Amino acid sequence: MDKIVVVGSANIDYVFRVSRCPEAGETVHGLGWSVHPGGKGANQAVAAAKLGGRVVLVAKVGKDAQTEAMLASYEQAGIRTETILRTDTQPTGAAAIWVDETGQNRIVVVAGANGELAADEVRRATDDFADASIALFQHETPKETVESAILAAPSSVRVILNPAPARPVSDDVLGRLWLITPNESEALALTGIAPDTDEASAEAANWFLARGVRNVVITLGERGCWIQGEECPGRLLSAPRVDPVDTTAAGDAFNGALAVFLAEGKPLVEAARLANYVGALSTTRPGAQPSLPTRAELETFVLGLA
């Protein structure tokens, strides 16, 4: 298995289950709450590691009471933690997540220590991405850090950007990406095109391809994902039908899985097909990292759908 470097956020998630999310100025009674490790970077790293990936996570955390348990959970998943940096000046990042009875969520994120992760720290922690086959980034750490690290990655590394949450990406960075993986709202924010049909998805993908991105995967929730680029002329891959409990981290499950299957040498279409299964399976369980399946659980799920 080739090495996967994930650069991104590590949070503590406070999850509140509600019958429906409150409107402005409204108080609603919750159905329960829980605390889990989260953050897009850590979620994607854990997703990859639980599927058997050889994963290095570069992140920054505080010295909170719950941080040690969070780091222990990473090690249990099989992630090396020596590249997770500490700071005395900020708490570990946090997210407040409301999940309604249909499994849909609303999330508020406070960056905390994630906002202090610097580009030179990323380069030192990864030894300039030595021996890495894939580098996976998101947008919950500073823009300068993400873009500098992407541009510094050697050409031998396939760089994947999950542009979540959406923010502008320079053409220089887009031109360095082997793959970009926006969801529907992120594709709309970046391209101005809502990928709500096959034709619109192709148009949005072409927007990225025209700026130098080599491949595009637009995740479309229960519809699956649209793939277009060097490895595929453009097609929809349907997702399996499930009854969702909690959609939190479904996109992270997909991205982590995609990185693993690509690191195993699978073509992009096959990797995305399997990642669709991982994303769908993750929605059938509550929480972010607790919902992420192992390889054995994925194989059982796929066999059950046959």
C-alpha atoms as a PDB file:
ATOM      1  CA  MET A   1       0.000   0.000   0.000  1.00  0.00           C
ATOM      2  CA  ASP A   2       1.414   3.391  -1.013  1.00  0.00           C
ATOM      3  CA  LYS A   3       1.575   6.077   1.671  1.00  0.00           C
ATOM      4  CA  ILE A   4      -1.286   8.563   1.958  1.00  0.00           C
ATOM      5  CA  VAL A   5      -0.603  11.943   3.567  1.00  0.00           C
ATOM      6  CA  VAL A   6      -3.695  13.749   4.857  1.00  0.00           C
ATOM      7  CA  VAL A   7      -3.258  17.413   5.763  1.00  0.00           C
ATOM      8  CA  GLY A   8      -6.210  18.936   7.549  1.00  0.00           C
ATOM      9  CA  SER A   9      -8.304  19.636  10.601  1.00  0.00           C
ATOM     10  CA  ALA A  10      -8.760  17.705  13.828  1.00  0.00           C
ATOM     11  CA  ASN A  11     -11.808  18.637  15.896  1.00  0.00           C
ATOM     12  CA  ILE A  12     -13.895  17.557  18.812  1.00  0.00           C
ATOM     13  CA  ASP A  13     -17.509  17.122  17.623  1.00  0.00           C
ATOM     14  CA  TYR A  14     -20.460  17.887  19.883  1.00  0.00           C
ATOM     15  CA  VAL A  15     -23.422  16.139  18.254  1.00  0.00           C
ATOM     16  CA  PHE A  16     -27.031  16.992  19.138  1.00  0.00           C
ATOM     17  CA  ARG A  17     -29.854  14.813  17.815  1.00  0.00           C
ATOM     18  CA  VAL A  18     -33.099  16.713  17.244  1.00  0.00           C
ATOM     19  CA  SER A  19     -36.459  16.020  15.645  1.00  0.00           C
ATOM     20  CA  ARG A  20     -35.845  19.109  13.525  1.00  0.00           C
ATOM     21  CA  CYS A  21     -33.242  21.870  13.506  1.00  0.00           C
ATOM     22  CA  PRO A  22     -34.250  25.135  15.220  1.00  0.00           C
ATOM     23  CA  GLU A  23     -35.201  28.236  13.278  1.00  0.00           C
ATOM     24  CA  ALA A  24     -33.644  31.620  14.136  1.00  0.00           C
ATOM     25  CA  GLY A  25     -34.583  32.621  17.683  1.00  0.00           C
ATOM     26  CA  GLU A  26     -36.195  29.253  18.418  1.00  0.00           C
ATOM     27  CA  THR A  27     -35.368  26.674  21.085  1.00  0.00           C
ATOM     28  CA  VAL A  28     -36.130  23.008  20.446  1.00  0.00           C
ATOM     29  CA  HIS A  29     -35.818  20.004  22.749  1.00  0.00           C
ATOM     30  CA  GLY A  30     -33.012  17.625  21.834  1.00  0.00           C
ATOM     31  CA  LEU A  31     -33.275  13.841  21.660  1.00  0.00           C
ATOM     32  CA  GLY A  32     -29.738  13.200  22.892  1.00  0.00           C
ATOM     33  CA  TRP A  33     -26.146  14.309  22.545  1.00  0.00           C
ATOM     34  CA  SER A  34     -22.649  12.821  22.297  1.00  0.00           C
ATOM     35  CA  VAL A  35     -19.002  13.810  21.890  1.00  0.00           C
ATOM     36  CA  HIS A  36     -16.747  12.301  19.210  1.00  0.00           C
ATOM     37  CA  PRO A  37     -13.431  13.085  17.487  1.00  0.00           C
ATOM     38  CA  GLY A  38     -14.026  14.804  14.146  1.00  0.00           C
ATOM     39  CA  GLY A  39     -12.712  17.388  11.678  1.00  0.00           C
ATOM     40  CA  LYS A  40     -12.580  16.835   7.928  1.00  0.00           C
ATOM     41  CA  GLY A  41      -8.887  16.033   7.832  1.00  0.00           C
ATOM     42  CA  ALA A  42      -9.008  13.592  10.736  1.00  0.00           C
ATOM     43  CA  ASN A  43     -12.247  12.028   9.483  1.00  0.00           C
ATOM     44  CA  GLN A  44     -10.718  11.363   6.081  1.00  0.00           C
ATOM     45  CA  ALA A  45      -7.525  10.001   7.626  1.00  0.00           C
ATOM     46  CA  VAL A  46      -9.474   7.654   9.913  1.00  0.00           C
ATOM     47  CA  ALA A  47     -11.692   6.558   7.015  1.00  0.00           C
ATOM     48  CA  ALA A  48      -8.595   5.648   5.003  1.00  0.00           C
ATOM     49  CA  ALA A  49      -6.835   3.926   7.900  1.00  0.00           C
ATOM     50  CA  LYS A  50      -9.860   1.804   8.871  1.00  0.00           C
ATOM     51  CA  LEU A  51     -10.003   0.545   5.285  1.00  0.00           C
ATOM     52  CA  GLY A  52      -6.378  -0.538   5.488  1.00  0.00           C
ATOM     53  CA  GLY A  53      -4.568   2.572   4.239  1.00  0.00           C
ATOM     54  CA  ARG A  54      -1.031   3.504   5.313  1.00  0.00           C
ATOM     55  CA  VAL A  55      -1.895   6.981   6.561  1.00  0.00           C
ATOM     56  CA  VAL A  56       0.042   9.948   7.937  1.00  0.00           C
ATOM     57  CA  LEU A  57      -2.111  12.760   9.378  1.00  0.00           C
ATOM     58  CA  VAL A  58      -0.681  16.279   9.629  1.00  0.00           C
ATOM     59  CA  ALA A  59      -2.804  18.451  11.912  1.00  0.00           C
ATOM     60  CA  LYS A  60      -2.585  20.744  14.924  1.00  0.00           C
ATOM     61  CA  VAL A  61      -4.432  20.389  18.227  1.00  0.00           C
ATOM     62  CA  GLY A  62      -4.533  22.103  21.601  1.00  0.00           C
ATOM     63  CA  LYS A  63      -3.866  20.609  25.008  1.00  0.00           C
ATOM     64  CA  ASP A  64      -7.483  20.136  26.081  1.00  0.00           C
ATOM     65  CA  ALA A  65      -8.656  17.412  28.423  1.00  0.00           C
ATOM     66  CA  GLN A  66     -10.309  15.501  25.573  1.00  0.00           C
ATOM     67  CA  THR A  67      -7.389  15.727  23.155  1.00  0.00           C
ATOM     68  CA  GLU A  68      -5.510  12.728  24.563  1.00  0.00           C
ATOM     69  CA  ALA A  69      -8.538  10.494  24.045  1.00  0.00           C
ATOM     70  CA  MET A  70      -8.852  11.872  20.508  1.00  0.00           C
ATOM     71  CA  LEU A  71      -5.216  11.027  19.706  1.00  0.00           C
ATOM     72  CA  ALA A  72      -5.639   7.561  21.202  1.00  0.00           C
ATOM     73  CA  SER A  73      -8.576   6.965  18.862  1.00  0.00           C
ATOM     74  CA  TYR A  74      -6.367   7.851  15.880  1.00  0.00           C
ATOM     75  CA  GLU A  75      -3.736   5.346  16.980  1.00  0.00           C
ATOM     76  CA  GLN A  76      -6.410   2.702  17.455  1.00  0.00           C
ATOM     77  CA  ALA A  77      -7.494   3.313  13.846  1.00  0.00           C
ATOM     78  CA  GLY A  78      -3.906   2.781  12.708  1.00  0.00           C
ATOM     79  CA  ILE A  79      -2.789   6.386  12.142  1.00  0.00           C
ATOM     80  CA  ARG A  80       0.682   7.612  13.024  1.00  0.00           C
ATOM     81  CA  THR A  81       0.314  10.559  15.432  1.00  0.00           C
ATOM     82  CA  GLU A  82       3.867  11.934  15.603  1.00  0.00           C
ATOM     83  CA  THR A  83       2.980  14.404  12.827  1.00  0.00           C
ATOM     84  CA  ILE A  84       0.083  15.859  14.850  1.00  0.00           C
ATOM     85  CA  LEU A  85       1.383  19.120  16.297  1.00  0.00           C
ATOM     86  CA  ARG A  86       0.455  20.835  19.584  1.00  0.00           C
ATOM     87  CA  THR A  87      -0.139  24.464  20.504  1.00  0.00           C
ATOM     88  CA  ASP A  88      -0.479  26.215  23.868  1.00  0.00           C
ATOM     89  CA  THR A  89      -2.292  29.238  22.479  1.00  0.00           C
ATOM     90  CA  GLN A  90      -5.507  27.717  21.085  1.00  0.00           C
ATOM     91  CA  PRO A  91      -7.864  24.930  22.097  1.00  0.00           C
ATOM     92  CA  THR A  92      -8.466  21.989  19.790  1.00  0.00           C
ATOM     93  CA  GLY A  93     -10.962  22.874  17.065  1.00  0.00           C
ATOM     94  CA  ALA A  94     -14.601  22.135  17.773  1.00  0.00           C
ATOM     95  CA  ALA A  95     -17.829  21.569  15.873  1.00  0.00           C
ATOM     96  CA  ALA A  96     -21.444  21.786  17.005  1.00  0.00           C
ATOM     97  CA  ILE A  97     -23.556  19.445  14.882  1.00  0.00           C
ATOM     98  CA  TRP A  98     -27.357  19.228  14.775  1.00  0.00           C
ATOM     99  CA  VAL A  99     -28.705  16.022  13.231  1.00  0.00           C
ATOM    100  CA  ASP A 100     -32.442  15.748  12.510  1.00  0.00           C
ATOM    101  CA  GLU A 101     -34.622  12.650  12.260  1.00  0.00           C
ATOM    102  CA  THR A 102     -34.025  12.326   8.511  1.00  0.00           C
ATOM    103  CA  GLY A 103     -30.238  12.156   9.080  1.00  0.00           C
ATOM    104  CA  GLN A 104     -29.562  15.622   7.623  1.00  0.00           C
ATOM    105  CA  ASN A 105     -27.253  17.924   9.551  1.00  0.00           C
ATOM    106  CA  ARG A 106     -26.260  21.512  10.192  1.00  0.00           C
ATOM    107  CA  ILE A 107     -22.740  22.224  11.415  1.00  0.00           C
ATOM    108  CA  VAL A 108     -20.895  25.150  13.014  1.00  0.00           C
ATOM    109  CA  VAL A 109     -17.082  24.817  13.171  1.00  0.00           C
ATOM    110  CA  VAL A 110     -14.644  26.824  15.303  1.00  0.00           C
ATOM    111  CA  ALA A 111     -11.098  26.461  13.947  1.00  0.00           C
ATOM    112  CA  GLY A 112      -9.134  26.741  17.206  1.00  0.00           C
ATOM    113  CA  ALA A 113      -5.709  25.113  16.796  1.00  0.00           C
ATOM    114  CA  ASN A 114      -6.477  24.242  13.156  1.00  0.00           C
ATOM    115  CA  GLY A 115      -6.095  27.930  12.336  1.00  0.00           C
ATOM    116  CA  GLU A 116      -2.452  27.851  13.463  1.00  0.00           C
ATOM    117  CA  LEU A 117      -1.269  25.049  11.158  1.00  0.00           C
ATOM    118  CA  ALA A 118       1.460  26.655   9.018  1.00  0.00           C
ATOM    119  CA  ALA A 119       2.827  25.650   5.615  1.00  0.00           C
ATOM    120  CA  ASP A 120       6.410  25.203   6.854  1.00  0.00           C
ATOM    121  CA  GLU A 121       5.121  22.899   9.601  1.00  0.00           C
ATOM    122  CA  VAL A 122       3.375  20.769   6.983  1.00  0.00           C
ATOM    123  CA  ARG A 123       6.527  20.478   4.904  1.00  0.00           C
ATOM    124  CA  ARG A 124       8.661  19.552   7.931  1.00  0.00           C
ATOM    125  CA  ALA A 125       6.117  17.048   9.249  1.00  0.00           C
ATOM    126  CA  THR A 126       5.847  15.272   5.901  1.00  0.00           C
ATOM    127  CA  ASP A 127       9.537  15.564   4.999  1.00  0.00           C
ATOM    128  CA  ASP A 128       8.333  17.312   1.839  1.00  0.00           C
ATOM    129  CA  PHE A 129       5.910  14.435   1.161  1.00  0.00           C
ATOM    130  CA  ALA A 130       8.720  11.883   0.938  1.00  0.00           C
ATOM    131  CA  ASP A 131       7.490   8.468  -0.234  1.00  0.00           C
ATOM    132  CA  ALA A 132       3.884   9.679  -0.480  1.00  0.00           C
ATOM    133  CA  SER A 133       1.757   8.516  -3.369  1.00  0.00           C
ATOM    134  CA  ILE A 134      -1.293  10.614  -2.511  1.00  0.00           C
ATOM    135  CA  ALA A 135      -1.715  13.888  -0.608  1.00  0.00           C
ATOM    136  CA  LEU A 136      -5.250  14.754   0.485  1.00  0.00           C
ATOM    137  CA  PHE A 137      -6.281  18.277   1.537  1.00  0.00           C
ATOM    138  CA  GLN A 138      -9.449  20.104   2.644  1.00  0.00           C
ATOM    139  CA  HIS A 139     -10.351  23.692   3.561  1.00  0.00           C
ATOM    140  CA  GLU A 140     -10.585  23.656   7.371  1.00  0.00           C
ATOM    141  CA  THR A 141      -6.991  24.868   7.779  1.00  0.00           C
ATOM    142  CA  PRO A 142      -5.608  28.229   6.582  1.00  0.00           C
ATOM    143  CA  LYS A 143      -5.805  28.976   2.859  1.00  0.00           C
ATOM    144  CA  GLU A 144      -2.118  29.935   2.657  1.00  0.00           C
ATOM    145  CA  THR A 145      -1.110  26.690   4.343  1.00  0.00           C
ATOM    146  CA  VAL A 146      -3.174  24.518   2.025  1.00  0.00           C
ATOM    147  CA  GLU A 147      -2.138  26.272  -1.161  1.00  0.00           C
ATOM    148  CA  SER A 148       1.563  26.481  -0.259  1.00  0.00           C
ATOM    149  CA  ALA A 149       1.672  22.801   0.662  1.00  0.00           C
ATOM    150  CA  ILE A 150      -0.104  21.778  -2.533  1.00  0.00           C
ATOM    151  CA  LEU A 151       2.284  23.795  -4.685  1.00  0.00           C
ATOM    152  CA  ALA A 152       5.277  22.364  -2.781  1.00  0.00           C
ATOM    153  CA  ALA A 153       4.245  18.743  -3.318  1.00  0.00           C
ATOM    154  CA  PRO A 154       6.495  16.949  -5.824  1.00  0.00           C
ATOM    155  CA  SER A 155       5.046  16.001  -9.196  1.00  0.00           C
ATOM    156  CA  SER A 156       5.170  12.316  -8.252  1.00  0.00           C
ATOM    157  CA  VAL A 157       2.407  12.881  -5.681  1.00  0.00           C
ATOM    158  CA  ARG A 158      -1.226  12.743  -6.813  1.00  0.00           C
ATOM    159  CA  VAL A 159      -2.775  15.728  -5.025  1.00  0.00           C
ATOM    160  CA  ILE A 160      -6.462  15.551  -4.111  1.00  0.00           C
ATOM    161  CA  LEU A 161      -8.345  18.609  -2.869  1.00  0.00           C
ATOM    162  CA  ASN A 162     -11.699  18.249  -1.177  1.00  0.00           C
ATOM    163  CA  PRO A 163     -12.691  21.964  -1.298  1.00  0.00           C
ATOM    164  CA  ALA A 164     -14.829  21.888   1.844  1.00  0.00           C
ATOM    165  CA  PRO A 165     -15.974  24.298   3.037  1.00  0.00           C
ATOM    166  CA  ALA A 166     -15.974  26.174  -0.265  1.00  0.00           C
ATOM    167  CA  ARG A 167     -13.599  29.096  -0.739  1.00  0.00           C
ATOM    168  CA  PRO A 168     -11.817  30.480  -3.808  1.00  0.00           C
ATOM    169  CA  VAL A 169      -8.956  28.368  -5.198  1.00  0.00           C
ATOM    170  CA  SER A 170      -6.232  29.967  -7.307  1.00  0.00           C
ATOM    171  CA  ASP A 171      -5.628  28.812 -10.872  1.00  0.00           C
ATOM    172  CA  ASP A 172      -2.054  27.889  -9.892  1.00  0.00           C
ATOM    173  CA  VAL A 173      -3.389  25.466  -7.303  1.00  0.00           C
ATOM    174  CA  LEU A 174      -6.100  24.104  -9.596  1.00  0.00           C
ATOM    175  CA  GLY A 175      -3.430  23.419 -12.193  1.00  0.00           C
ATOM    176  CA  ARG A 176      -1.507  21.265  -9.700  1.00  0.00           C
ATOM    177  CA  LEU A 177      -4.462  19.026  -8.740  1.00  0.00           C
ATOM    178  CA  TRP A 178      -4.727  15.452  -9.937  1.00  0.00           C
ATOM    179  CA  LEU A 179      -8.267  15.395  -8.538  1.00  0.00           C
ATOM    180  CA  ILE A 180     -10.795  17.776  -6.990  1.00  0.00           C
ATOM    181  CA  THR A 181     -13.836  16.420  -5.108  1.00  0.00           C
ATOM    182  CA  PRO A 182     -16.479  19.113  -4.445  1.00  0.00           C
ATOM    183  CA  ASN A 183     -20.003  18.270  -3.362  1.00  0.00           C
ATOM    184  CA  GLU A 184     -23.021  19.898  -4.996  1.00  0.00           C
ATOM    185  CA  SER A 185     -22.947  23.121  -2.974  1.00  0.00           C
ATOM    186  CA  GLU A 186     -19.168  23.474  -3.273  1.00  0.00           C
ATOM    187  CA  ALA A 187     -19.287  22.933  -7.041  1.00  0.00           C
ATOM    188  CA  LEU A 188     -21.946  25.643  -7.285  1.00  0.00           C
ATOM    189  CA  ALA A 189     -19.955  28.050  -5.099  1.00  0.00           C
ATOM    190  CA  LEU A 190     -16.737  27.555  -7.082  1.00  0.00           C
ATOM    191  CA  THR A 191     -18.098  27.349 -10.638  1.00  0.00           C
ATOM    192  CA  GLY A 192     -21.472  29.111 -10.481  1.00  0.00           C
ATOM    193  CA  ILE A 193     -23.055  25.956 -11.950  1.00  0.00           C
ATOM    194  CA  ALA A 194     -25.465  23.778  -9.960  1.00  0.00           C
ATOM    195  CA  PRO A 195     -24.706  20.122 -10.856  1.00  0.00           C
ATOM    196  CA  ASP A 196     -28.346  19.032 -10.675  1.00  0.00           C
ATOM    197  CA  THR A 197     -28.407  17.192 -14.033  1.00  0.00           C
ATOM    198  CA  ASP A 198     -25.854  15.157 -15.956  1.00  0.00           C
ATOM    199  CA  GLU A 199     -25.425  18.014 -18.410  1.00  0.00           C
ATOM    200  CA  ALA A 200     -24.864  20.559 -15.625  1.00  0.00           C
ATOM    201  CA  SER A 201     -22.471  18.205 -13.842  1.00  0.00           C
ATOM    202  CA  ALA A 202     -20.431  17.884 -17.022  1.00  0.00           C
ATOM    203  CA  GLU A 203     -20.410  21.663 -17.408  1.00  0.00           C
ATOM    204  CA  ALA A 204     -19.222  22.162 -13.824  1.00  0.00           C
ATOM    205  CA  ALA A 205     -16.528  19.513 -14.294  1.00  0.00           C
ATOM    206  CA  ASN A 206     -15.369  21.215 -17.492  1.00  0.00           C
ATOM    207  CA  TRP A 207     -14.959  24.462 -15.543  1.00  0.00           C
ATOM    208  CA  PHE A 208     -12.334  22.756 -13.364  1.00  0.00           C
ATOM    209  CA  LEU A 209     -10.726  20.868 -16.247  1.00  0.00           C
ATOM    210  CA  ALA A 210     -10.308  24.097 -18.222  1.00  0.00           C
ATOM    211  CA  ARG A 211      -8.237  25.446 -15.322  1.00  0.00           C
ATOM    212  CA  GLY A 212      -5.837  22.521 -15.322  1.00  0.00           C
ATOM    213  CA  VAL A 213      -7.396  20.032 -12.908  1.00  0.00           C
ATOM    214  CA  ARG A 214      -6.782  16.564 -14.337  1.00  0.00           C
ATOM    215  CA  ASN A 215      -9.819  14.780 -12.896  1.00  0.00           C
ATOM    216  CA  VAL A 216     -13.069  15.831 -11.211  1.00  0.00           C
ATOM    217  CA  VAL A 217     -15.402  13.888  -8.924  1.00  0.00           C
ATOM    218  CA  ILE A 218     -18.534  15.766  -7.845  1.00  0.00           C
ATOM    219  CA  THR A 219     -20.277  14.014  -4.964  1.00  0.00           C
ATOM    220  CA  LEU A 220     -24.057  14.159  -5.298  1.00  0.00           C
ATOM    221  CA  GLY A 221     -25.379  12.665  -2.055  1.00  0.00           C
ATOM    222  CA  GLU A 222     -27.832   9.836  -2.556  1.00  0.00           C
ATOM    223  CA  ARG A 223     -27.469  10.205  -6.353  1.00  0.00           C
ATOM    224  CA  GLY A 224     -23.844   9.048  -6.198  1.00  0.00           C
ATOM    225  CA  CYS A 225     -21.059  10.966  -7.938  1.00  0.00           C
ATOM    226  CA  TRP A 226     -20.126  12.432 -11.316  1.00  0.00           C
ATOM    227  CA  ILE A 227     -16.655  11.584 -12.696  1.00  0.00           C
ATOM    228  CA  GLN A 228     -14.922  13.379 -15.539  1.00  0.00           C
ATOM    229  CA  GLY A 229     -11.354  13.963 -16.705  1.00  0.00           C
ATOM    230  CA  GLU A 230      -8.306  12.114 -17.965  1.00  0.00           C
ATOM    231  CA  GLU A 231      -9.514   8.779 -16.605  1.00  0.00           C
ATOM    232  CA  CYS A 232     -13.181   9.075 -17.606  1.00  0.00           C
ATOM    233  CA  PRO A 233     -14.990  11.073 -20.316  1.00  0.00           C
ATOM    234  CA  GLY A 234     -17.881  11.866 -17.972  1.00  0.00           C
ATOM    235  CA  ARG A 235     -20.396   9.593 -16.267  1.00  0.00           C
ATOM    236  CA  LEU A 236     -22.661   9.250 -13.245  1.00  0.00           C
ATOM    237  CA  LEU A 237     -21.883   6.493 -10.748  1.00  0.00           C
ATOM    238  CA  SER A 238     -25.000   5.697  -8.746  1.00  0.00           C
ATOM    239  CA  ALA A 239     -24.847   5.203  -4.985  1.00  0.00           C
ATOM    240  CA  PRO A 240     -26.482   2.236  -3.230  1.00  0.00           C
ATOM    241  CA  ARG A 241     -29.840   2.891  -1.580  1.00  0.00           C
ATOM    242  CA  VAL A 242     -29.787   3.009   2.216  1.00  0.00           C
ATOM    243  CA  ASP A 243     -31.927   4.398   5.038  1.00  0.00           C
ATOM    244  CA  PRO A 244     -29.730   7.219   6.421  1.00  0.00           C
ATOM    245  CA  VAL A 245     -29.411   7.804  10.145  1.00  0.00           C
ATOM    246  CA  ASP A 246     -26.766  10.550  10.086  1.00  0.00           C
ATOM    247  CA  THR A 247     -25.095  12.046   7.012  1.00  0.00           C
ATOM    248  CA  THR A 248     -22.286  13.658   9.037  1.00  0.00           C
ATOM    249  CA  ALA A 249     -18.886  12.716   7.543  1.00  0.00           C
ATOM    250  CA  ALA A 250     -20.367  10.873   4.549  1.00  0.00           C
ATOM    251  CA  GLY A 251     -18.265  13.064   2.265  1.00  0.00           C
ATOM    252  CA  ASP A 252     -15.207  12.429   4.423  1.00  0.00           C
ATOM    253  CA  ALA A 253     -15.858   8.683   4.271  1.00  0.00           C
ATOM    254  CA  PHE A 254     -15.992   8.950   0.477  1.00  0.00           C
ATOM    255  CA  ASN A 255     -12.767  10.964   0.214  1.00  0.00           C
ATOM    256  CA  GLY A 256     -10.793   8.769   2.597  1.00  0.00           C
ATOM    257  CA  ALA A 257     -11.977   5.653   0.795  1.00  0.00           C
ATOM    258  CA  LEU A 258     -11.153   7.151  -2.596  1.00  0.00           C
ATOM    259  CA  ALA A 259      -7.585   7.817  -1.449  1.00  0.00           C
ATOM    260  CA  VAL A 260      -7.174   4.225  -0.223  1.00  0.00           C
ATOM    261  CA  PHE A 261      -8.451   2.578  -3.372  1.00  0.00           C
ATOM    262  CA  LEU A 262      -6.328   4.853  -5.555  1.00  0.00           C
ATOM    263  CA  ALA A 263      -3.277   4.059  -3.395  1.00  0.00           C
ATOM    264  CA  GLU A 264      -4.007   0.382  -4.030  1.00  0.00           C
ATOM    265  CA  GLY A 265      -3.683   1.037  -7.755  1.00  0.00           C
ATOM    266  CA  LYS A 266      -7.347   0.919  -8.721  1.00  0.00           C
ATOM    267  CA  PRO A 267      -8.530   3.108 -11.639  1.00  0.00           C
ATOM    268  CA  LEU A 268     -10.448   6.240 -10.624  1.00  0.00           C
ATOM    269  CA  VAL A 269     -13.840   4.892 -11.751  1.00  0.00           C
ATOM    270  CA  GLU A 270     -13.442   1.697  -9.718  1.00  0.00           C
ATOM    271  CA  ALA A 271     -12.109   3.637  -6.714  1.00  0.00           C
ATOM    272  CA  ALA A 272     -15.079   6.014  -6.836  1.00  0.00           C
ATOM    273  CA  ARG A 273     -17.553   3.150  -7.195  1.00  0.00           C
ATOM    274  CA  LEU A 274     -16.215   1.577  -3.998  1.00  0.00           C
ATOM    275  CA  ALA A 275     -16.061   4.970  -2.264  1.00  0.00           C
ATOM    276  CA  ASN A 276     -19.782   5.383  -3.017  1.00  0.00           C
ATOM    277  CA  TYR A 277     -20.404   2.232  -0.984  1.00  0.00           C
ATOM    278  CA  VAL A 278     -18.286   3.524   1.906  1.00  0.00           C
ATOM    279  CA  GLY A 279     -20.075   6.884   1.940  1.00  0.00           C
ATOM    280  CA  ALA A 280     -23.491   5.242   1.856  1.00  0.00           C
ATOM    281  CA  LEU A 281     -22.616   2.769   4.617  1.00  0.00           C
ATOM    282  CA  SER A 282     -21.349   5.578   6.861  1.00  0.00           C
ATOM    283  CA  THR A 283     -24.777   7.272   6.774  1.00  0.00           C
ATOM    284  CA  THR A 284     -26.429   4.246   8.367  1.00  0.00           C
ATOM    285  CA  ARG A 285     -24.657   4.901  11.683  1.00  0.00           C
ATOM    286  CA  PRO A 286     -24.521   7.989  13.929  1.00  0.00           C
ATOM    287  CA  GLY A 287     -21.488  10.200  14.449  1.00  0.00           C
ATOM    288  CA  ALA A 288     -18.527  11.118  12.280  1.00  0.00           C
ATOM    289  CA  GLN A 289     -15.573   8.832  12.979  1.00  0.00           C
ATOM    290  CA  PRO A 290     -17.689   6.196  14.792  1.00  0.00           C
ATOM    291  CA  SER A 291     -19.668   5.747  11.561  1.00  0.00           C
ATOM    292  CA  LEU A 292     -16.621   5.008   9.388  1.00  0.00           C
ATOM    293  CA  PRO A 293     -16.497   1.340   8.311  1.00  0.00           C
ATOM    294  CA  THR A 294     -13.648  -1.142   8.395  1.00  0.00           C
ATOM    295  CA  ARG A 295     -12.690  -3.123   5.304  1.00  0.00           C
ATOM    296  CA  ALA A 296     -14.511  -6.187   6.650  1.00  0.00           C
ATOM    297  CA  GLU A 297     -17.672  -4.153   7.274  1.00  0.00           C
ATOM    298  CA  LEU A 298     -17.513  -2.745   3.749  1.00  0.00           C
ATOM    299  CA  GLU A 299     -17.148  -6.194   2.223  1.00  0.00           C
ATOM    300  CA  THR A 300     -20.120  -7.485   4.219  1.00  0.00           C
ATOM    301  CA  PHE A 301     -22.196  -4.481   3.134  1.00  0.00           C
ATOM    302  CA  VAL A 302     -21.362  -4.942  -0.546  1.00  0.00           C
ATOM    303  CA  LEU A 303     -22.151  -8.657  -0.387  1.00  0.00           C
ATOM    304  CA  GLY A 304     -25.504  -7.845   1.228  1.00  0.00           C
ATOM    305  CA  LEU A 305     -26.438  -5.640  -1.718  1.00  0.00           C
ATOM    306  CA  ALA A 306     -25.613  -8.284  -4.318  1.00  0.00           C
END
